[in-house]
C-alpha atoms as a PDB file:
ATOM      1  CA  MET A   1      44.486 103.820  70.842  1.00  0.00           C
ATOM      2  CA  ARG A   2      44.536 100.827  68.888  1.00  0.00           C
ATOM      3  CA  SER A   3      47.987  99.483  70.527  1.00  0.00           C
ATOM      4  CA  LYS A   4      46.820 100.148  74.114  1.00  0.00           C
ATOM      5  CA  GLU A   5      43.919  97.611  73.335  1.00  0.00           C
ATOM      6  CA  GLN A   6      46.020  95.030  71.771  1.00  0.00           C
ATOM      7  CA  ILE A   7      48.748  95.518  75.006  1.00  0.00           C
ATOM      8  CA  ARG A   8      45.543  95.201  77.344  1.00  0.00           C
ATOM      9  CA  GLU A   9      44.411  91.975  75.487  1.00  0.00           C
ATOM     10  CA  PHE A  10      48.127  90.449  75.544  1.00  0.00           C
ATOM     11  CA  PHE A  11      48.350  90.895  79.399  1.00  0.00           C
ATOM     12  CA  ALA A  12      44.660  89.577  79.781  1.00  0.00           C
ATOM     13  CA  ILE A  13      45.793  86.601  77.524  1.00  0.00           C
ATOM     14  CA  LEU A  14      49.016  85.940  79.498  1.00  0.00           C
ATOM     15  CA  ALA A  15      47.189  86.199  82.974  1.00  0.00           C
ATOM     16  CA  MET A  16      45.713  82.598  82.139  1.00  0.00           C
ATOM     17  CA  PRO A  17      48.686  80.556  81.590  1.00  0.00           C
ATOM     18  CA  VAL A  18      50.119  82.378  84.696  1.00  0.00           C
ATOM     19  CA  MET A  19      46.842  81.224  87.013  1.00  0.00           C
ATOM     20  CA  LEU A  20      47.424  77.548  85.446  1.00  0.00           C
ATOM     21  CA  LEU A  21      50.888  77.389  86.280  1.00  0.00           C
ATOM     22  CA  ALA A  22      49.954  79.225  89.786  1.00  0.00           C
ATOM     23  CA  VAL A  23      47.462  76.430  90.187  1.00  0.00           C
ATOM     24  CA  GLU A  24      49.772  73.494  89.341  1.00  0.00           C
ATOM     25  CA  ILE A  25      52.838  74.806  91.668  1.00  0.00           C
ATOM     26  CA  GLY A  26      50.647  75.330  94.290  1.00  0.00           C
ATOM     27  CA  SER A  27      49.048  72.045  94.351  1.00  0.00           C
ATOM     28  CA  VAL A  28      52.462  70.374  94.632  1.00  0.00           C
ATOM     29  CA  LEU A  29      53.491  72.571  97.246  1.00  0.00           C
ATOM     30  CA  LEU A  30      50.101  71.428  99.207  1.00  0.00           C
ATOM     31  CA  ALA A  31      50.732  67.715  98.824  1.00  0.00           C
ATOM     32  CA  VAL A  32      53.013  67.354 101.665  1.00  0.00           C
ATOM     33  CA  PRO A  33      50.518  68.964 104.374  1.00  0.00           C
ATOM     34  CA  MET A  34      47.239  67.696 102.775  1.00  0.00           C
ATOM     35  CA  THR A  35      49.167  63.766 102.845  1.00  0.00           C
ATOM     36  CA  ALA A  36      49.856  64.567 106.259  1.00  0.00           C
ATOM     37  CA  SER A  37      46.462  66.075 107.273  1.00  0.00           C
ATOM     38  CA  GLY A  38      44.826  62.674 105.830  1.00  0.00           C
ATOM     39  CA  TYR A  39      42.758  64.749 103.212  1.00  0.00           C
ATOM     40  CA  ALA A  40      43.344  62.095 100.534  1.00  0.00           C
ATOM     41  CA  VAL A  41      40.024  61.289  98.717  1.00  0.00           C
ATOM     42  CA  PHE A  42      40.240  57.730  97.673  1.00  0.00           C
ATOM     43  CA  GLU A  43      41.861  54.941  99.680  1.00  0.00           C
ATOM     44  CA  ASP A  44      43.368  53.143  97.004  1.00  0.00           C
ATOM     45  CA  PRO A  45      45.396  55.359  94.658  1.00  0.00           C
ATOM     46  CA  GLU A  46      45.783  52.578  91.892  1.00  0.00           C
ATOM     47  CA  SER A  47      42.379  51.643  91.473  1.00  0.00           C
ATOM     48  CA  LEU A  48      40.706  52.521  87.888  1.00  0.00           C
ATOM     49  CA  SER A  49      37.251  52.371  89.425  1.00  0.00           C
ATOM     50  CA  ASN A  50      37.946  55.822  90.981  1.00  0.00           C
ATOM     51  CA  PRO A  51      37.962  57.817  87.947  1.00  0.00           C
ATOM     52  CA  ILE A  52      34.709  56.072  86.989  1.00  0.00           C
ATOM     53  CA  TRP A  53      33.150  57.053  90.219  1.00  0.00           C
ATOM     54  CA  PHE A  54      34.414  60.740  89.865  1.00  0.00           C
ATOM     55  CA  ILE A  55      32.432  60.579  86.609  1.00  0.00           C
ATOM     56  CA  VAL A  56      29.320  59.346  87.700  1.00  0.00           C
ATOM     57  CA  MET A  57      29.190  61.748  90.724  1.00  0.00           C
ATOM     58  CA  LEU A  58      29.860  64.602  88.431  1.00  0.00           C
ATOM     59  CA  LEU A  59      27.225  63.282  85.720  1.00  0.00           C
ATOM     60  CA  GLY A  60      25.060  63.343  88.970  1.00  0.00           C
ATOM     61  CA  PHE A  61      25.981  66.882  90.136  1.00  0.00           C
ATOM     62  CA  THR A  62      25.655  68.365  86.897  1.00  0.00           C
ATOM     63  CA  ALA A  63      22.075  67.071  86.172  1.00  0.00           C
ATOM     64  CA  PHE A  64      20.989  68.511  89.571  1.00  0.00           C
ATOM     65  CA  MET A  65      22.768  71.650  88.920  1.00  0.00           C
ATOM     66  CA  LEU A  66      20.919  71.836  85.472  1.00  0.00           C
ATOM     67  CA  ILE A  67      17.405  70.940  86.756  1.00  0.00           C
ATOM     68  CA  LEU A  68      17.769  73.816  89.307  1.00  0.00           C
ATOM     69  CA  ILE A  69      18.350  76.112  86.532  1.00  0.00           C
ATOM     70  CA  LYS A  70      15.714  75.061  84.445  1.00  0.00           C
ATOM     71  CA  TYR A  71      13.048  75.377  86.746  1.00  0.00           C
ATOM     72  CA  LYS A  72      14.349  78.779  88.136  1.00  0.00           C
ATOM     73  CA  PHE A  73      15.722  77.332  91.482  1.00  0.00           C
ATOM     74  CA  LYS A  74      19.224  79.428  90.840  1.00  0.00           C
ATOM     75  CA  HIS A  75      18.813  80.597  94.709  1.00  0.00           C
ATOM     76  CA  ILE A  76      19.043  76.872  96.040  1.00  0.00           C
ATOM     77  CA  LEU A  77      21.955  76.625  93.875  1.00  0.00           C
ATOM     78  CA  ASN A  78      23.296  79.709  95.050  1.00  0.00           C
ATOM     79  CA  TRP A  79      23.495  78.200  98.589  1.00  0.00           C
ATOM     80  CA  ILE A  80      24.624  75.020  97.634  1.00  0.00           C
ATOM     81  CA  ILE A  81      27.614  76.032  95.763  1.00  0.00           C
ATOM     82  CA  ARG A  82      28.282  78.696  98.841  1.00  0.00           C
ATOM     83  CA  ILE A  83      28.276  75.709 101.240  1.00  0.00           C
ATOM     84  CA  SER A  84      30.347  73.501  99.080  1.00  0.00           C
ATOM     85  CA  LEU A  85      32.916  76.328  98.649  1.00  0.00           C
ATOM     86  CA  PHE A  86      33.072  76.663 102.546  1.00  0.00           C
ATOM     87  CA  ILE A  87      33.915  73.215 102.900  1.00  0.00           C
ATOM     88  CA  ALA A  88      36.489  73.111 100.387  1.00  0.00           C
ATOM     89  CA  TYR A  89      38.169  75.786 101.457  1.00  0.00           C
ATOM     90  CA  ILE A  90      38.504  74.581 104.977  1.00  0.00           C
ATOM     91  CA  TYR A  91      40.688  72.006 103.489  1.00  0.00           C
ATOM     92  CA  VAL A  92      42.720  74.522 101.387  1.00  0.00           C
ATOM     93  CA  PHE A  93      43.303  76.828 104.157  1.00  0.00           C
ATOM     94  CA  SER A  94      43.992  74.061 106.784  1.00  0.00           C
ATOM     95  CA  GLY A  95      46.430  72.719 104.294  1.00  0.00           C
ATOM     96  CA  LEU A  96      48.192  75.820 103.392  1.00  0.00           C
ATOM     97  CA  LEU A  97      48.296  76.590 107.380  1.00  0.00           C
ATOM     98  CA  GLY A  98      49.768  73.130 107.916  1.00  0.00           C
ATOM     99  CA  LEU A  99      52.706  74.113 106.328  1.00  0.00           C
ATOM    100  CA  ILE A 100      53.784  76.215 109.361  1.00  0.00           C
ATOM    101  CA  ILE A 101      51.615  75.307 112.156  1.00  0.00           C
ATOM    102  CA  SER A 102      50.183  72.209 113.738  1.00  0.00           C
ATOM    103  CA  ALA A 103      47.142  70.497 112.167  1.00  0.00           C
ATOM    104  CA  GLU A 104      44.807  70.956 114.902  1.00  0.00           C
ATOM    105  CA  LEU A 105      45.431  74.807 115.233  1.00  0.00           C
ATOM    106  CA  ALA A 106      45.568  74.595 111.034  1.00  0.00           C
ATOM    107  CA  PHE A 107      42.010  73.296 111.009  1.00  0.00           C
ATOM    108  CA  LEU A 108      40.784  75.716 113.353  1.00  0.00           C
ATOM    109  CA  LEU A 109      42.168  78.812 111.742  1.00  0.00           C
ATOM    110  CA  GLY A 110      41.631  77.345 108.174  1.00  0.00           C
ATOM    111  CA  THR A 111      37.781  76.953 109.085  1.00  0.00           C
ATOM    112  CA  ALA A 112      37.777  80.565 110.085  1.00  0.00           C
ATOM    113  CA  CYS A 113      39.388  81.913 107.220  1.00  0.00           C
ATOM    114  CA  ALA A 114      37.153  79.127 104.985  1.00  0.00           C
ATOM    115  CA  GLY A 115      34.347  81.455 106.305  1.00  0.00           C
ATOM    116  CA  ALA A 116      35.632  84.651 105.698  1.00  0.00           C
ATOM    117  CA  ALA A 117      36.548  83.589 101.901  1.00  0.00           C
ATOM    118  CA  THR A 118      33.039  82.474 101.321  1.00  0.00           C
ATOM    119  CA  LEU A 119      31.596  85.215 103.234  1.00  0.00           C
ATOM    120  CA  LEU A 120      33.831  88.041 100.656  1.00  0.00           C
ATOM    121  CA  LEU A 121      32.980  86.101  97.259  1.00  0.00           C
ATOM    122  CA  TRP A 122      29.234  85.977  98.121  1.00  0.00           C
ATOM    123  CA  LYS A 123      29.181  89.878  99.155  1.00  0.00           C
ATOM    124  CA  TYR A 124      31.619  90.999  96.909  1.00  0.00           C
ATOM    125  CA  PRO A 125      32.741  88.615  93.955  1.00  0.00           C
ATOM    126  CA  GLU A 126      34.768  91.688  91.660  1.00  0.00           C
ATOM    127  CA  TRP A 127      36.759  89.651  89.622  1.00  0.00           C
ATOM    128  CA  TYR A 128      40.199  89.971  91.309  1.00  0.00           C
ATOM    129  CA  VAL A 129      38.546  88.748  94.628  1.00  0.00           C
ATOM    130  CA  VAL A 130      37.127  85.714  92.283  1.00  0.00           C
ATOM    131  CA  ASP A 131      40.527  85.207  90.700  1.00  0.00           C
ATOM    132  CA  ILE A 132      42.856  85.076  93.835  1.00  0.00           C
ATOM    133  CA  LEU A 133      40.611  82.688  95.960  1.00  0.00           C
ATOM    134  CA  GLY A 134      39.597  80.807  93.088  1.00  0.00           C
ATOM    135  CA  VAL A 135      43.335  80.098  92.304  1.00  0.00           C
ATOM    136  CA  LEU A 136      43.413  78.690  95.714  1.00  0.00           C
ATOM    137  CA  LEU A 137      40.432  76.942  95.711  1.00  0.00           C
ATOM    138  CA  ALA A 138      41.559  75.143  92.245  1.00  0.00           C
ATOM    139  CA  ALA A 139      45.211  74.517  93.944  1.00  0.00           C
ATOM    140  CA  GLY A 140      43.600  72.663  97.263  1.00  0.00           C
ATOM    141  CA  VAL A 141      41.263  70.668  95.304  1.00  0.00           C
ATOM    142  CA  ALA A 142      43.863  69.608  92.449  1.00  0.00           C
ATOM    143  CA  SER A 143      46.430  68.399  95.605  1.00  0.00           C
ATOM    144  CA  MET A 144      43.534  66.377  97.144  1.00  0.00           C
ATOM    145  CA  PHE A 145      42.845  64.372  93.974  1.00  0.00           C
ATOM    146  CA  GLY A 146      46.673  64.299  93.098  1.00  0.00           C
ATOM    147  CA  ILE A 147      47.809  62.569  96.327  1.00  0.00           C
ATOM    148  CA  SER A 148      44.719  60.535  96.023  1.00  0.00           C
ATOM    149  CA  LEU A 149      45.292  58.829  92.813  1.00  0.00           C
ATOM    150  CA  GLU A 150      48.400  57.387  91.011  1.00  0.00           C
ATOM    151  CA  PRO A 151      49.228  58.430  87.439  1.00  0.00           C
ATOM    152  CA  VAL A 152      47.581  55.800  85.301  1.00  0.00           C
ATOM    153  CA  PRO A 153      43.960  56.351  87.285  1.00  0.00           C
ATOM    154  CA  VAL A 154      44.496  60.125  86.620  1.00  0.00           C
ATOM    155  CA  ILE A 155      45.299  59.840  83.027  1.00  0.00           C
ATOM    156  CA  LEU A 156      41.830  57.601  82.452  1.00  0.00           C
ATOM    157  CA  LEU A 157      39.921  60.307  84.592  1.00  0.00           C
ATOM    158  CA  LEU A 158      41.303  63.129  82.135  1.00  0.00           C
ATOM    159  CA  ILE A 159      40.560  60.962  79.180  1.00  0.00           C
ATOM    160  CA  LEU A 160      37.056  60.598  80.079  1.00  0.00           C
ATOM    161  CA  LEU A 161      36.287  63.991  81.498  1.00  0.00           C
ATOM    162  CA  ALA A 162      37.670  65.304  77.831  1.00  0.00           C
ATOM    163  CA  VAL A 163      35.442  63.436  76.127  1.00  0.00           C
ATOM    164  CA  TYR A 164      32.536  64.285  78.246  1.00  0.00           C
ATOM    165  CA  ASP A 165      33.526  68.050  78.129  1.00  0.00           C
ATOM    166  CA  ALA A 166      33.772  67.658  74.515  1.00  0.00           C
ATOM    167  CA  ILE A 167      30.477  66.222  74.195  1.00  0.00           C
ATOM    168  CA  SER A 168      28.649  68.405  76.645  1.00  0.00           C
ATOM    169  CA  VAL A 169      30.080  71.714  74.835  1.00  0.00           C
ATOM    170  CA  TYR A 170      29.678  70.906  70.982  1.00  0.00           C
ATOM    171  CA  LYS A 171      26.850  68.001  70.706  1.00  0.00           C
ATOM    172  CA  THR A 172      24.591  68.551  73.722  1.00  0.00           C
ATOM    173  CA  LYS A 173      25.588  71.867  74.853  1.00  0.00           C
ATOM    174  CA  HIS A 174      24.085  71.124  78.502  1.00  0.00           C
ATOM    175  CA  MET A 175      27.375  72.774  79.490  1.00  0.00           C
ATOM    176  CA  LEU A 176      26.655  76.178  77.744  1.00  0.00           C
ATOM    177  CA  THR A 177      23.273  76.093  79.720  1.00  0.00           C
ATOM    178  CA  LEU A 178      25.219  75.537  83.103  1.00  0.00           C
ATOM    179  CA  ALA A 179      27.788  78.422  82.251  1.00  0.00           C
ATOM    180  CA  ASP A 180      24.848  80.691  81.320  1.00  0.00           C
ATOM    181  CA  GLY A 181      23.355  80.010  84.921  1.00  0.00           C
ATOM    182  CA  VAL A 182      26.676  80.330  86.468  1.00  0.00           C
ATOM    183  CA  ILE A 183      27.336  83.373  84.705  1.00  0.00           C
ATOM    184  CA  GLU A 184      24.162  84.981  85.261  1.00  0.00           C
ATOM    185  CA  GLY A 185      24.333  84.603  89.148  1.00  0.00           C
ATOM    186  CA  ARG A 186      28.099  85.640  89.746  1.00  0.00           C
ATOM    187  CA  MET A 187      28.814  82.236  90.980  1.00  0.00           C
ATOM    188  CA  PRO A 188      32.428  82.333  91.810  1.00  0.00           C
ATOM    189  CA  ILE A 189      33.776  79.001  90.317  1.00  0.00           C
ATOM    190  CA  MET A 190      35.714  80.502  87.417  1.00  0.00           C
ATOM    191  CA  VAL A 191      38.596  82.822  87.026  1.00  0.00           C
ATOM    192  CA  VAL A 192      37.691  85.966  85.110  1.00  0.00           C
ATOM    193  CA  VAL A 193      40.314  88.272  83.290  1.00  0.00           C
ATOM    194  CA  PRO A 194      39.411  91.781  82.489  1.00  0.00           C
ATOM    195  CA  LYS A 195      39.889  92.944  78.584  1.00  0.00           C
ATOM    196  CA  LYS A 196      38.775  96.629  79.130  1.00  0.00           C
ATOM    197  CA  GLU A 197      39.810  99.224  81.534  1.00  0.00           C
ATOM    198  CA  GLY A 198      37.562  99.840  84.269  1.00  0.00           C
ATOM    199  CA  TYR A 199      35.823  96.554  84.195  1.00  0.00           C
ATOM    200  CA  SER A 200      33.675  95.265  86.943  1.00  0.00           C
ATOM    201  CA  PHE A 201      32.530  91.511  87.102  1.00  0.00           C
ATOM    202  CA  ILE A 202      29.695  92.636  89.519  1.00  0.00           C
ATOM    203  CA  ARG A 203      28.683  95.222  87.406  1.00  0.00           C
ATOM    204  CA  ASP A 204      29.363  94.231  83.982  1.00  0.00           C
ATOM    205  CA  GLY A 205      29.374  90.391  83.933  1.00  0.00           C
ATOM    206  CA  VAL A 206      31.135  89.377  80.669  1.00  0.00           C
ATOM    207  CA  GLY A 207      29.694  91.800  78.560  1.00  0.00           C
ATOM    208  CA  GLY A 208      28.166  88.944  76.370  1.00  0.00           C
ATOM    209  CA  SER A 209      26.220  85.944  76.162  1.00  0.00           C
ATOM    210  CA  ILE A 210      27.833  82.148  76.632  1.00  0.00           C
ATOM    211  CA  ASN A 211      25.491  80.576  74.085  1.00  0.00           C
ATOM    212  CA  PRO A 212      25.041  82.506  71.201  1.00  0.00           C
ATOM    213  CA  ASP A 213      22.693  82.069  68.191  1.00  0.00           C
ATOM    214  CA  GLU A 214      23.672  80.331  64.797  1.00  0.00           C
ATOM    215  CA  SER A 215      23.746  83.618  63.289  1.00  0.00           C
ATOM    216  CA  LYS A 216      26.165  84.988  65.688  1.00  0.00           C
ATOM    217  CA  GLU A 217      28.148  82.119  65.761  1.00  0.00           C
ATOM    218  CA  LYS A 218      28.721  81.947  62.148  1.00  0.00           C
ATOM    219  CA  ASN A 219      29.170  85.700  61.435  1.00  0.00           C
ATOM    220  CA  GLN A 220      30.337  87.349  64.452  1.00  0.00           C
ATOM    221  CA  LYS A 221      33.150  87.485  67.308  1.00  0.00           C
ATOM    222  CA  HIS A 222      32.235  88.311  70.610  1.00  0.00           C
ATOM    223  CA  ASP A 223      33.429  91.230  71.999  1.00  0.00           C
ATOM    224  CA  ARG A 224      33.555  90.188  75.740  1.00  0.00           C
ATOM    225  CA  ALA A 225      34.546  92.511  78.310  1.00  0.00           C
ATOM    226  CA  ALA A 226      36.456  89.446  80.052  1.00  0.00           C
ATOM    227  CA  TYR A 227      37.935  85.832  79.310  1.00  0.00           C
ATOM    228  CA  LEU A 228      36.608  83.060  81.408  1.00  0.00           C
ATOM    229  CA  MET A 229      38.117  79.993  82.374  1.00  0.00           C
ATOM    230  CA  GLY A 230      36.003  77.529  84.802  1.00  0.00           C
ATOM    231  CA  LEU A 231      38.024  76.061  87.725  1.00  0.00           C
ATOM    232  CA  GLY A 232      37.587  72.472  86.329  1.00  0.00           C
ATOM    233  CA  ASP A 233      39.943  73.937  83.373  1.00  0.00           C
ATOM    234  CA  LEU A 234      42.667  74.741  86.235  1.00  0.00           C
ATOM    235  CA  ILE A 235      42.200  71.856  88.071  1.00  0.00           C
ATOM    236  CA  MET A 236      42.121  68.653  85.908  1.00  0.00           C
ATOM    237  CA  PRO A 237      45.537  68.954  84.279  1.00  0.00           C
ATOM    238  CA  SER A 238      47.081  70.031  87.645  1.00  0.00           C
ATOM    239  CA  ILE A 239      45.840  66.689  89.216  1.00  0.00           C
ATOM    240  CA  LEU A 240      48.227  64.967  87.000  1.00  0.00           C
ATOM    241  CA  VAL A 241      51.027  67.322  87.733  1.00  0.00           C
ATOM    242  CA  THR A 242      50.559  66.749  91.676  1.00  0.00           C
ATOM    243  CA  SER A 243      50.276  62.912  91.096  1.00  0.00           C
ATOM    244  CA  ALA A 244      53.216  62.853  89.019  1.00  0.00           C
ATOM    245  CA  ALA A 245      55.304  64.719  91.753  1.00  0.00           C
ATOM    246  CA  VAL A 246      53.905  62.598  94.315  1.00  0.00           C
ATOM    247  CA  PHE A 247      54.063  59.134  92.606  1.00  0.00           C
ATOM    248  CA  VAL A 248      56.688  59.481  89.939  1.00  0.00           C
ATOM    249  CA  PRO A 249      59.523  61.506  91.295  1.00  0.00           C
ATOM    250  CA  GLY A 250      63.216  61.781  90.104  1.00  0.00           C
ATOM    251  CA  GLY A 251      65.064  63.575  87.143  1.00  0.00           C
ATOM    252  CA  GLY A 252      63.865  66.866  87.667  1.00  0.00           C
ATOM    253  CA  ILE A 253      63.647  70.162  90.104  1.00  0.00           C
ATOM    254  CA  GLY A 254      62.887  69.514  93.842  1.00  0.00           C
ATOM    255  CA  MET A 255      59.519  67.852  94.049  1.00  0.00           C
ATOM    256  CA  LEU A 256      58.751  68.043  90.353  1.00  0.00           C
ATOM    257  CA  GLY A 257      60.407  65.281  88.602  1.00  0.00           C
ATOM    258  CA  LEU A 258      60.582  64.970  84.728  1.00  0.00           C
ATOM    259  CA  PRO A 259      57.113  63.469  84.142  1.00  0.00           C
ATOM    260  CA  ALA A 260      55.604  66.594  86.479  1.00  0.00           C
ATOM    261  CA  ILE A 261      57.431  69.204  84.551  1.00  0.00           C
ATOM    262  CA  GLY A 262      56.453  67.534  81.179  1.00  0.00           C
ATOM    263  CA  ALA A 263      52.756  67.465  82.344  1.00  0.00           C
ATOM    264  CA  ILE A 264      53.209  71.143  83.189  1.00  0.00           C
ATOM    265  CA  LEU A 265      54.791  72.176  79.838  1.00  0.00           C
ATOM    266  CA  GLY A 266      51.947  69.928  78.038  1.00  0.00           C
ATOM    267  CA  SER A 267      48.933  71.924  79.765  1.00  0.00           C
ATOM    268  CA  LEU A 268      50.226  75.164  79.110  1.00  0.00           C
ATOM    269  CA  ALA A 269      51.003  74.267  75.347  1.00  0.00           C
ATOM    270  CA  GLY A 270      47.314  72.812  75.229  1.00  0.00           C
ATOM    271  CA  LEU A 271      46.076  76.261  76.914  1.00  0.00           C
ATOM    272  CA  GLY A 272      47.813  78.255  74.076  1.00  0.00           C
ATOM    273  CA  ILE A 273      45.758  75.910  71.381  1.00  0.00           C
ATOM    274  CA  LEU A 274      42.805  76.775  73.444  1.00  0.00           C
ATOM    275  CA  LEU A 275      43.225  80.386  73.726  1.00  0.00           C
ATOM    276  CA  HIS A 276      43.929  80.506  69.978  1.00  0.00           C
ATOM    277  CA  ALA A 277      40.539  78.703  69.189  1.00  0.00           C
ATOM    278  CA  VAL A 278      38.704  81.143  71.514  1.00  0.00           C
ATOM    279  CA  HIS A 279      39.306  83.987  69.157  1.00  0.00           C
ATOM    280  CA  SER A 280      36.881  82.356  66.627  1.00  0.00           C
ATOM    281  CA  GLY A 281      34.030  83.577  69.486  1.00  0.00           C
ATOM    282  CA  ARG A 282      32.581  80.531  69.736  1.00  0.00           C
ATOM    283  CA  PRO A 283      32.435  78.576  73.214  1.00  0.00           C
ATOM    284  CA  GLN A 284      35.151  76.017  73.476  1.00  0.00           C
ATOM    285  CA  ALA A 285      35.845  72.906  75.343  1.00  0.00           C
ATOM    286  CA  GLY A 286      38.655  73.420  77.651  1.00  0.00           C
ATOM    287  CA  LEU A 287      39.518  70.132  78.606  1.00  0.00           C
ATOM    288  CA  PRO A 288      40.351  68.162  75.194  1.00  0.00           C
ATOM    289  CA  PRO A 289      43.720  70.395  74.683  1.00  0.00           C
ATOM    290  CA  LEU A 290      44.454  71.094  78.364  1.00  0.00           C
ATOM    291  CA  ASN A 291      43.994  67.322  79.407  1.00  0.00           C
ATOM    292  CA  GLY A 292      45.989  66.002  76.194  1.00  0.00           C
ATOM    293  CA  GLY A 293      48.617  68.538  76.708  1.00  0.00           C
ATOM    294  CA  ALA A 294      49.245  67.548  80.327  1.00  0.00           C
ATOM    295  CA  ILE A 295      49.015  63.571  79.354  1.00  0.00           C
ATOM    296  CA  LEU A 296      51.439  63.962  76.160  1.00  0.00           C
ATOM    297  CA  GLY A 297      53.728  66.019  78.259  1.00  0.00           C
ATOM    298  CA  PHE A 298      53.709  63.396  81.282  1.00  0.00           C
ATOM    299  CA  LEU A 299      54.496  60.658  78.977  1.00  0.00           C
ATOM    300  CA  ILE A 300      57.332  62.359  77.365  1.00  0.00           C
ATOM    301  CA  GLY A 301      58.649  63.223  80.480  1.00  0.00           C
ATOM    302  CA  TRP A 302      58.251  59.686  81.940  1.00  0.00           C
ATOM    303  CA  PHE A 303      59.930  58.247  78.821  1.00  0.00           C
ATOM    304  CA  ILE A 304      62.995  60.522  79.230  1.00  0.00           C
ATOM    305  CA  MET A 305      63.145  59.547  82.620  1.00  0.00           C
ATOM    306  CA  THR A 306      63.271  56.065  82.006  1.00  0.00           C
ATOM    307  CA  LEU A 307      66.122  56.466  79.382  1.00  0.00           C
END
């Protein structure tokens, strides 16, 4: 029995890097149709002001979400997330379909697919539905930002986000409050990996609070029914992978140059560090190891390419 549980947990842990890799490869593959469709987010990919605007918008949206959660307006938050998902999925499915059909037809069919995906997440947010559509969404969003920013602005963005994530989890802890609200509302902006047989995200949630009291933090490990990872943890390192593939090609495999490959390997190493830390039972900031690993890997790949 013990061995069976260990095997199941091993595959649950293995699913995390598999999903990260799927997002990174998917975002690179989507770069061509996203570019052809004009889905770049910023006009000037070299501008260092772009990451600043990104952070400002993120802080504003986070503050708005926290206000809605604090004053019990979670139904409004649910609708905002659904509408945001619908709009994002239009870009994702249009980009995917743009690989095989014309841009005009891809947009029409992509809008229909976006509506179906959003409805499915609303009516049946089971873990495998959330994961499949979450990986697709993360790949699409990462691709849009990856084609919009050159590596230097991306690196600045990832550093700022890593610092913000660390502060929001370990210092102010407002990210834990936000995560609680997201989990309680079964909002599909994360990936969920079951640890136990017969698990249902709809029925079981995660089997424990995301924000334990101090005594639990010090003396107990959480026996959660599932591992969680926010889509942001999949998206952010993937932006650098896509940016490197688009703006710094060469010396690698296909679209993946050495800097992009380095960013992939570095992000996977960072995820390994994160997963090890997760075993402490305490909430962990994902972006410092993920972004740090991706940046370090990119720099090593770039250095090797220039030799």
